[in-house]
Amino acid sequence: MTQSKRIYVLDTNVLMHDPTALFKFEEHDVFLPMMVLEELDNNKKGQTESARNARQVSRFLNELVVAHGNRSIEGGVSLLRPNELQLRDTGRLGRLLFQTKPTDISKGFGTVLPDNQILGSILALRVENPATPVVLVSKDINLRIKASIVG
């Protein structure tokens, strides 16, 4: 357990590998860029394990949003663990945050690629939350390298 609250940004490949990753950051917040939602949507078709996992993530996200009710999700939704999941329960829950504002990444990265859109949303998140460490969680080596380059 870390000493200070953090915001973990999950890349699509992490969720497609383990749909329960949403719930594994204890009291910390989890942020999903809009591009991650788009990529999940684009990868949910088919019978592969990755496609099944993408569909499961979508179901988890839907459950969380529905449980939040009619309130605005701009401030995030509680990361309530589904009852059927057998995860270690620390008694502390973070929030699930969504990218709710567009970012103009063309100024900093040139080509508008999914990875660059994710990086742009991370940089915007850091500006909005200067006192909170923002951590990218990705299985994509090149995205992690790009993230290291931009800080």
N, C-alpha and C. Protein backbone atom coordinates (compact mmCIF):
# COMPACT_ATOMS: atom_id res chain seq x y z
N MET A 1 0.84 -1.17 0.00
CA MET A 1 0.00 0.00 0.00
C MET A 1 0.89 1.24 0.00
N THR A 2 0.55 2.20 -0.84
CA THR A 2 1.33 3.42 -0.90
C THR A 2 0.82 4.41 0.13
N GLN A 3 1.65 5.40 0.45
CA GLN A 3 1.31 6.36 1.48
C GLN A 3 0.33 7.43 1.00
N SER A 4 0.41 7.84 -0.26
CA SER A 4 -0.47 8.90 -0.74
C SER A 4 -1.39 8.38 -1.83
N LYS A 5 -2.53 9.03 -1.94
CA LYS A 5 -3.49 8.64 -2.95
C LYS A 5 -2.90 8.91 -4.33
N ARG A 6 -3.15 8.02 -5.25
CA ARG A 6 -2.66 8.14 -6.62
C ARG A 6 -3.82 7.99 -7.59
N ILE A 7 -3.57 8.38 -8.82
CA ILE A 7 -4.51 8.11 -9.90
C ILE A 7 -3.80 7.19 -10.88
N TYR A 8 -4.37 6.01 -11.08
CA TYR A 8 -3.81 5.05 -12.02
C TYR A 8 -4.58 5.13 -13.33
N VAL A 9 -3.86 5.33 -14.42
CA VAL A 9 -4.46 5.39 -15.75
C VAL A 9 -4.26 4.02 -16.38
N LEU A 10 -5.37 3.35 -16.69
CA LEU A 10 -5.29 2.00 -17.25
C LEU A 10 -5.37 2.06 -18.77
N ASP A 11 -4.43 1.39 -19.40
CA ASP A 11 -4.43 1.25 -20.85
C ASP A 11 -5.35 0.09 -21.23
N THR A 12 -5.80 0.10 -22.45
CA THR A 12 -6.73 -0.92 -22.95
C THR A 12 -6.19 -2.32 -22.76
N ASN A 13 -4.91 -2.52 -23.06
CA ASN A 13 -4.35 -3.87 -23.02
C ASN A 13 -4.37 -4.46 -21.62
N VAL A 14 -4.28 -3.63 -20.60
CA VAL A 14 -4.34 -4.12 -19.22
C VAL A 14 -5.73 -4.68 -18.93
N LEU A 15 -6.75 -3.94 -19.34
CA LEU A 15 -8.13 -4.38 -19.11
C LEU A 15 -8.49 -5.59 -19.95
N MET A 16 -7.96 -5.66 -21.17
CA MET A 16 -8.25 -6.81 -22.02
C MET A 16 -7.51 -8.06 -21.54
N HIS A 17 -6.46 -7.87 -20.80
CA HIS A 17 -5.74 -8.99 -20.20
C HIS A 17 -6.42 -9.44 -18.91
N ASP A 18 -6.88 -8.46 -18.11
CA ASP A 18 -7.51 -8.76 -16.82
C ASP A 18 -8.63 -7.75 -16.54
N PRO A 19 -9.87 -8.12 -16.85
CA PRO A 19 -10.99 -7.19 -16.64
C PRO A 19 -11.15 -6.74 -15.20
N THR A 20 -10.67 -7.53 -14.25
CA THR A 20 -10.81 -7.15 -12.84
C THR A 20 -9.76 -6.13 -12.42
N ALA A 21 -8.87 -5.75 -13.32
CA ALA A 21 -7.84 -4.76 -12.99
C ALA A 21 -8.46 -3.46 -12.47
N LEU A 22 -9.66 -3.16 -12.92
CA LEU A 22 -10.37 -1.96 -12.43
C LEU A 22 -10.43 -1.90 -10.91
N PHE A 23 -10.53 -3.05 -10.29
CA PHE A 23 -10.81 -3.14 -8.86
C PHE A 23 -9.58 -3.45 -8.01
N LYS A 24 -8.40 -3.41 -8.59
CA LYS A 24 -7.21 -3.86 -7.88
C LYS A 24 -6.31 -2.74 -7.37
N PHE A 25 -6.83 -1.54 -7.31
CA PHE A 25 -5.99 -0.42 -6.89
C PHE A 25 -6.42 0.17 -5.55
N GLU A 26 -7.14 -0.62 -4.78
CA GLU A 26 -7.54 -0.31 -3.41
C GLU A 26 -8.12 1.09 -3.27
N GLU A 27 -7.51 1.93 -2.44
CA GLU A 27 -8.09 3.25 -2.17
C GLU A 27 -7.76 4.28 -3.24
N HIS A 28 -6.99 3.90 -4.22
CA HIS A 28 -6.58 4.84 -5.26
C HIS A 28 -7.65 4.98 -6.34
N ASP A 29 -7.56 6.07 -7.08
CA ASP A 29 -8.50 6.30 -8.17
C ASP A 29 -7.97 5.68 -9.45
N VAL A 30 -8.88 5.30 -10.33
CA VAL A 30 -8.55 4.73 -11.63
C VAL A 30 -9.16 5.65 -12.69
N PHE A 31 -8.36 6.00 -13.68
CA PHE A 31 -8.79 6.90 -14.75
C PHE A 31 -8.81 6.15 -16.07
N LEU A 32 -9.90 6.30 -16.82
CA LEU A 32 -9.99 5.70 -18.15
C LEU A 32 -10.12 6.80 -19.20
N PRO A 33 -9.10 6.95 -20.05
CA PRO A 33 -9.23 7.90 -21.16
C PRO A 33 -10.32 7.46 -22.13
N MET A 34 -10.90 8.40 -22.83
CA MET A 34 -11.95 8.09 -23.80
C MET A 34 -11.45 7.09 -24.85
N MET A 35 -10.19 7.20 -25.25
CA MET A 35 -9.65 6.29 -26.26
C MET A 35 -9.66 4.85 -25.76
N VAL A 36 -9.46 4.64 -24.48
CA VAL A 36 -9.51 3.28 -23.93
C VAL A 36 -10.92 2.71 -24.10
N LEU A 37 -11.93 3.54 -23.83
CA LEU A 37 -13.32 3.08 -24.03
C LEU A 37 -13.57 2.75 -25.50
N GLU A 38 -13.05 3.58 -26.40
CA GLU A 38 -13.21 3.33 -27.84
C GLU A 38 -12.54 2.02 -28.24
N GLU A 39 -11.33 1.80 -27.73
CA GLU A 39 -10.60 0.58 -28.09
C GLU A 39 -11.29 -0.65 -27.51
N LEU A 40 -11.84 -0.55 -26.32
CA LEU A 40 -12.60 -1.67 -25.76
C LEU A 40 -13.79 -1.99 -26.65
N ASP A 41 -14.48 -0.95 -27.08
CA ASP A 41 -15.64 -1.14 -27.94
C ASP A 41 -15.25 -1.79 -29.26
N ASN A 42 -14.13 -1.39 -29.81
CA ASN A 42 -13.67 -1.94 -31.09
C ASN A 42 -13.17 -3.37 -30.97
N ASN A 43 -12.83 -3.80 -29.77
CA ASN A 43 -12.24 -5.14 -29.59
C ASN A 43 -13.18 -6.15 -28.95
N LYS A 44 -14.44 -5.81 -28.78
CA LYS A 44 -15.34 -6.71 -28.06
C LYS A 44 -15.99 -7.78 -28.94
N LYS A 45 -15.79 -7.69 -30.23
CA LYS A 45 -16.42 -8.65 -31.14
C LYS A 45 -15.54 -9.89 -31.30
N GLY A 46 -16.17 -11.04 -31.33
CA GLY A 46 -15.43 -12.27 -31.55
C GLY A 46 -15.48 -13.19 -30.35
N GLN A 47 -14.81 -14.32 -30.48
CA GLN A 47 -14.83 -15.34 -29.44
C GLN A 47 -13.49 -15.52 -28.74
N THR A 48 -12.54 -14.62 -29.01
CA THR A 48 -11.24 -14.74 -28.37
C THR A 48 -11.34 -14.34 -26.90
N GLU A 49 -10.34 -14.72 -26.14
CA GLU A 49 -10.31 -14.34 -24.73
C GLU A 49 -10.27 -12.82 -24.59
N SER A 50 -9.51 -12.15 -25.45
CA SER A 50 -9.43 -10.69 -25.40
C SER A 50 -10.80 -10.06 -25.65
N ALA A 51 -11.54 -10.59 -26.61
CA ALA A 51 -12.88 -10.06 -26.91
C ALA A 51 -13.82 -10.30 -25.73
N ARG A 52 -13.75 -11.48 -25.14
CA ARG A 52 -14.59 -11.76 -23.96
C ARG A 52 -14.23 -10.83 -22.81
N ASN A 53 -12.95 -10.59 -22.62
CA ASN A 53 -12.52 -9.69 -21.55
C ASN A 53 -12.97 -8.26 -21.81
N ALA A 54 -12.91 -7.82 -23.07
CA ALA A 54 -13.38 -6.47 -23.41
C ALA A 54 -14.87 -6.34 -23.09
N ARG A 55 -15.65 -7.38 -23.40
CA ARG A 55 -17.08 -7.34 -23.08
C ARG A 55 -17.30 -7.33 -21.57
N GLN A 56 -16.47 -8.07 -20.83
CA GLN A 56 -16.62 -8.10 -19.37
C GLN A 56 -16.30 -6.73 -18.76
N VAL A 57 -15.27 -6.08 -19.27
CA VAL A 57 -14.95 -4.74 -18.78
C VAL A 57 -16.13 -3.81 -19.02
N SER A 58 -16.73 -3.90 -20.21
CA SER A 58 -17.89 -3.06 -20.52
C SER A 58 -19.04 -3.34 -19.55
N ARG A 59 -19.25 -4.60 -19.20
CA ARG A 59 -20.31 -4.92 -18.24
C ARG A 59 -19.98 -4.34 -16.86
N PHE A 60 -18.72 -4.47 -16.43
CA PHE A 60 -18.33 -3.88 -15.15
C PHE A 60 -18.55 -2.37 -15.15
N LEU A 61 -18.14 -1.71 -16.22
CA LEU A 61 -18.30 -0.26 -16.31
C LEU A 61 -19.77 0.13 -16.27
N ASN A 62 -20.59 -0.63 -16.98
CA ASN A 62 -22.02 -0.35 -16.98
C ASN A 62 -22.61 -0.50 -15.57
N GLU A 63 -22.23 -1.56 -14.87
CA GLU A 63 -22.71 -1.77 -13.50
C GLU A 63 -22.34 -0.59 -12.60
N LEU A 64 -21.11 -0.11 -12.74
CA LEU A 64 -20.65 1.00 -11.90
C LEU A 64 -21.41 2.28 -12.20
N VAL A 65 -21.63 2.55 -13.48
CA VAL A 65 -22.35 3.77 -13.86
C VAL A 65 -23.81 3.68 -13.43
N VAL A 66 -24.43 2.53 -13.61
CA VAL A 66 -25.83 2.35 -13.19
C VAL A 66 -25.95 2.50 -11.67
N ALA A 67 -25.01 1.92 -10.93
CA ALA A 67 -25.05 2.02 -9.47
C ALA A 67 -24.88 3.46 -9.01
N HIS A 68 -24.22 4.27 -9.81
CA HIS A 68 -23.99 5.68 -9.48
C HIS A 68 -25.28 6.50 -9.60
N GLY A 69 -26.22 5.99 -10.37
CA GLY A 69 -27.50 6.68 -10.51
C GLY A 69 -27.46 7.81 -11.51
N ASN A 70 -28.36 8.75 -11.33
CA ASN A 70 -28.51 9.85 -12.28
C ASN A 70 -27.53 11.00 -12.04
N ARG A 71 -26.68 10.87 -11.06
CA ARG A 71 -25.73 11.94 -10.77
C ARG A 71 -24.67 12.02 -11.87
N SER A 72 -24.07 13.18 -12.00
CA SER A 72 -23.02 13.39 -12.99
C SER A 72 -21.83 12.49 -12.68
N ILE A 73 -21.22 11.94 -13.71
CA ILE A 73 -20.04 11.11 -13.49
C ILE A 73 -18.75 11.91 -13.64
N GLU A 74 -18.86 13.20 -13.82
CA GLU A 74 -17.67 14.03 -14.01
C GLU A 74 -16.71 13.94 -12.82
N GLY A 75 -17.24 13.79 -11.62
CA GLY A 75 -16.40 13.66 -10.43
C GLY A 75 -16.01 12.23 -10.12
N GLY A 76 -16.40 11.31 -10.98
CA GLY A 76 -16.06 9.91 -10.79
C GLY A 76 -17.19 9.12 -10.15
N VAL A 77 -17.06 7.81 -10.21
CA VAL A 77 -18.02 6.90 -9.59
C VAL A 77 -17.26 5.99 -8.64
N SER A 78 -17.91 5.55 -7.59
CA SER A 78 -17.27 4.66 -6.62
C SER A 78 -16.93 3.33 -7.28
N LEU A 79 -15.76 2.83 -6.97
CA LEU A 79 -15.33 1.54 -7.52
C LEU A 79 -15.84 0.40 -6.63
N LEU A 80 -17.14 0.24 -6.62
CA LEU A 80 -17.77 -0.83 -5.85
C LEU A 80 -17.45 -2.16 -6.51
N ARG A 81 -16.92 -3.09 -5.74
CA ARG A 81 -16.56 -4.38 -6.30
C ARG A 81 -17.81 -5.24 -6.49
N PRO A 82 -17.96 -5.84 -7.67
CA PRO A 82 -19.09 -6.75 -7.86
C PRO A 82 -19.01 -7.91 -6.86
N ASN A 83 -20.16 -8.33 -6.37
CA ASN A 83 -20.20 -9.39 -5.35
C ASN A 83 -19.57 -10.69 -5.82
N GLU A 84 -19.69 -10.98 -7.12
CA GLU A 84 -19.19 -12.26 -7.60
C GLU A 84 -17.66 -12.32 -7.72
N LEU A 85 -16.99 -11.19 -7.55
CA LEU A 85 -15.53 -11.17 -7.64
C LEU A 85 -14.91 -11.55 -6.31
N GLN A 86 -13.97 -12.45 -6.36
CA GLN A 86 -13.24 -12.87 -5.16
C GLN A 86 -11.91 -12.12 -5.11
N LEU A 87 -11.98 -10.85 -4.72
CA LEU A 87 -10.78 -10.03 -4.62
C LEU A 87 -10.53 -9.68 -3.16
N ARG A 88 -9.27 -9.44 -2.85
CA ARG A 88 -8.91 -9.02 -1.50
C ARG A 88 -9.62 -7.70 -1.21
N ASP A 89 -10.31 -7.63 -0.10
CA ASP A 89 -11.05 -6.43 0.26
C ASP A 89 -10.32 -5.70 1.37
N THR A 90 -9.85 -4.50 1.05
CA THR A 90 -9.14 -3.70 2.05
C THR A 90 -10.08 -2.76 2.78
N GLY A 91 -11.33 -2.72 2.35
CA GLY A 91 -12.29 -1.83 2.98
C GLY A 91 -12.22 -0.40 2.46
N ARG A 92 -11.27 -0.13 1.60
CA ARG A 92 -11.12 1.21 1.04
C ARG A 92 -11.41 1.16 -0.45
N LEU A 93 -12.15 2.13 -0.91
CA LEU A 93 -12.49 2.18 -2.32
C LEU A 93 -12.08 3.50 -2.93
N GLY A 94 -11.53 3.42 -4.10
CA GLY A 94 -11.23 4.62 -4.85
C GLY A 94 -12.40 4.95 -5.76
N ARG A 95 -12.15 5.86 -6.67
CA ARG A 95 -13.16 6.25 -7.64
C ARG A 95 -12.69 5.87 -9.04
N LEU A 96 -13.66 5.64 -9.89
CA LEU A 96 -13.38 5.45 -11.31
C LEU A 96 -13.65 6.78 -11.98
N LEU A 97 -12.62 7.32 -12.61
CA LEU A 97 -12.72 8.61 -13.29
C LEU A 97 -12.69 8.38 -14.80
N PHE A 98 -13.50 9.12 -15.50
CA PHE A 98 -13.53 9.05 -16.95
C PHE A 98 -13.03 10.37 -17.53
N GLN A 99 -12.43 10.30 -18.70
CA GLN A 99 -12.08 11.53 -19.41
C GLN A 99 -13.38 12.17 -19.87
N THR A 100 -13.68 13.34 -19.36
CA THR A 100 -14.94 14.00 -19.71
C THR A 100 -14.73 15.27 -20.53
N LYS A 101 -13.45 15.62 -20.75
CA LYS A 101 -13.14 16.82 -21.54
C LYS A 101 -12.20 16.43 -22.67
N PRO A 102 -12.43 17.00 -23.85
CA PRO A 102 -11.51 16.70 -24.96
C PRO A 102 -10.15 17.36 -24.72
N THR A 103 -9.12 16.76 -25.30
CA THR A 103 -7.79 17.35 -25.22
C THR A 103 -7.28 17.56 -26.64
N ASP A 104 -6.53 18.62 -26.84
CA ASP A 104 -5.95 18.91 -28.15
C ASP A 104 -4.52 18.40 -28.16
N ILE A 105 -4.37 17.15 -28.58
CA ILE A 105 -3.04 16.54 -28.54
C ILE A 105 -2.20 16.88 -29.75
N SER A 106 -2.81 17.43 -30.80
CA SER A 106 -2.05 17.70 -32.02
C SER A 106 -0.95 18.72 -31.78
N LYS A 107 -1.11 19.57 -30.76
CA LYS A 107 -0.08 20.56 -30.46
C LYS A 107 1.21 19.91 -29.97
N GLY A 108 1.09 18.84 -29.22
CA GLY A 108 2.27 18.26 -28.61
C GLY A 108 2.81 17.02 -29.29
N PHE A 109 1.94 16.27 -29.97
CA PHE A 109 2.38 14.97 -30.48
C PHE A 109 2.26 14.81 -31.99
N GLY A 110 1.69 15.78 -32.67
CA GLY A 110 1.56 15.65 -34.12
C GLY A 110 0.44 14.69 -34.49
N THR A 111 0.80 13.53 -34.97
CA THR A 111 -0.17 12.55 -35.44
C THR A 111 -1.13 12.14 -34.33
N VAL A 112 -2.41 12.11 -34.67
CA VAL A 112 -3.43 11.73 -33.69
C VAL A 112 -3.59 10.21 -33.74
N LEU A 113 -2.80 9.54 -32.93
CA LEU A 113 -2.85 8.08 -32.79
C LEU A 113 -3.46 7.75 -31.44
N PRO A 114 -4.01 6.54 -31.30
CA PRO A 114 -4.59 6.18 -29.99
C PRO A 114 -3.63 6.38 -28.82
N ASP A 115 -2.39 5.93 -28.96
CA ASP A 115 -1.43 6.10 -27.86
C ASP A 115 -1.22 7.58 -27.54
N ASN A 116 -1.14 8.40 -28.57
CA ASN A 116 -0.94 9.83 -28.34
C ASN A 116 -2.16 10.46 -27.68
N GLN A 117 -3.35 9.98 -28.02
CA GLN A 117 -4.55 10.49 -27.37
C GLN A 117 -4.56 10.11 -25.89
N ILE A 118 -4.13 8.90 -25.59
CA ILE A 118 -4.05 8.47 -24.19
C ILE A 118 -3.02 9.33 -23.45
N LEU A 119 -1.86 9.56 -24.07
CA LEU A 119 -0.85 10.41 -23.43
C LEU A 119 -1.37 11.83 -23.21
N GLY A 120 -2.08 12.36 -24.20
CA GLY A 120 -2.65 13.70 -24.06
C GLY A 120 -3.62 13.78 -22.90
N SER A 121 -4.43 12.75 -22.73
CA SER A 121 -5.38 12.76 -21.61
C SER A 121 -4.66 12.64 -20.27
N ILE A 122 -3.54 11.91 -20.25
CA ILE A 122 -2.76 11.80 -19.01
C ILE A 122 -2.14 13.15 -18.65
N LEU A 123 -1.60 13.83 -19.65
CA LEU A 123 -1.01 15.14 -19.38
C LEU A 123 -2.06 16.13 -18.88
N ALA A 124 -3.25 16.09 -19.48
CA ALA A 124 -4.34 16.97 -19.02
C ALA A 124 -4.76 16.61 -17.59
N LEU A 125 -4.79 15.33 -17.30
CA LEU A 125 -5.15 14.87 -15.95
C LEU A 125 -4.13 15.37 -14.93
N ARG A 126 -2.87 15.34 -15.29
CA ARG A 126 -1.82 15.84 -14.38
C ARG A 126 -1.97 17.33 -14.12
N VAL A 127 -2.36 18.08 -15.14
CA VAL A 127 -2.57 19.53 -14.97
C VAL A 127 -3.76 19.78 -14.04
N GLU A 128 -4.81 18.98 -14.19
CA GLU A 128 -6.01 19.14 -13.36
C GLU A 128 -5.80 18.68 -11.92
N ASN A 129 -4.83 17.79 -11.70
CA ASN A 129 -4.57 17.21 -10.37
C ASN A 129 -3.09 17.31 -10.03
N PRO A 130 -2.57 18.53 -9.89
CA PRO A 130 -1.12 18.69 -9.72
C PRO A 130 -0.56 18.08 -8.43
N ALA A 131 -1.38 17.91 -7.42
CA ALA A 131 -0.89 17.39 -6.14
C ALA A 131 -0.98 15.86 -6.05
N THR A 132 -1.57 15.24 -7.06
CA THR A 132 -1.78 13.79 -7.01
C THR A 132 -0.91 13.10 -8.05
N PRO A 133 -0.11 12.12 -7.64
CA PRO A 133 0.68 11.38 -8.62
C PRO A 133 -0.22 10.62 -9.60
N VAL A 134 0.12 10.71 -10.88
CA VAL A 134 -0.62 10.01 -11.93
C VAL A 134 0.31 8.95 -12.50
N VAL A 135 -0.17 7.70 -12.52
CA VAL A 135 0.66 6.57 -12.92
C VAL A 135 -0.01 5.84 -14.08
N LEU A 136 0.73 5.67 -15.18
CA LEU A 136 0.24 4.91 -16.32
C LEU A 136 0.48 3.42 -16.07
N VAL A 137 -0.55 2.61 -16.30
CA VAL A 137 -0.43 1.16 -16.20
C VAL A 137 -0.71 0.60 -17.59
N SER A 138 0.33 0.06 -18.23
CA SER A 138 0.19 -0.44 -19.59
C SER A 138 1.13 -1.61 -19.83
N LYS A 139 0.70 -2.51 -20.68
CA LYS A 139 1.56 -3.61 -21.11
C LYS A 139 2.30 -3.23 -22.40
N ASP A 140 1.99 -2.06 -22.94
CA ASP A 140 2.55 -1.58 -24.20
C ASP A 140 3.89 -0.89 -23.93
N ILE A 141 4.97 -1.54 -24.32
CA ILE A 141 6.31 -1.01 -24.05
C ILE A 141 6.50 0.36 -24.69
N ASN A 142 6.09 0.51 -25.95
CA ASN A 142 6.30 1.79 -26.63
C ASN A 142 5.50 2.92 -25.99
N LEU A 143 4.30 2.64 -25.53
CA LEU A 143 3.52 3.67 -24.84
C LEU A 143 4.22 4.06 -23.54
N ARG A 144 4.76 3.09 -22.83
CA ARG A 144 5.48 3.42 -21.59
C ARG A 144 6.73 4.25 -21.88
N ILE A 145 7.41 3.94 -22.99
CA ILE A 145 8.58 4.73 -23.37
C ILE A 145 8.16 6.16 -23.70
N LYS A 146 7.09 6.31 -24.49
CA LYS A 146 6.59 7.65 -24.82
C LYS A 146 6.22 8.41 -23.55
N ALA A 147 5.57 7.73 -22.62
CA ALA A 147 5.17 8.37 -21.37
C ALA A 147 6.40 8.84 -20.59
N SER A 148 7.45 8.04 -20.60
CA SER A 148 8.69 8.45 -19.92
C SER A 148 9.31 9.67 -20.58
N ILE A 149 9.21 9.74 -21.90
CA ILE A 149 9.79 10.87 -22.63
C ILE A 149 9.07 12.17 -22.29
N VAL A 150 7.73 12.12 -22.24
CA VAL A 150 6.97 13.35 -21.98
C VAL A 150 6.85 13.66 -20.50
N GLY A 151 7.34 12.76 -19.66
CA GLY A 151 7.37 13.04 -18.23
C GLY A 151 6.22 12.46 -17.51
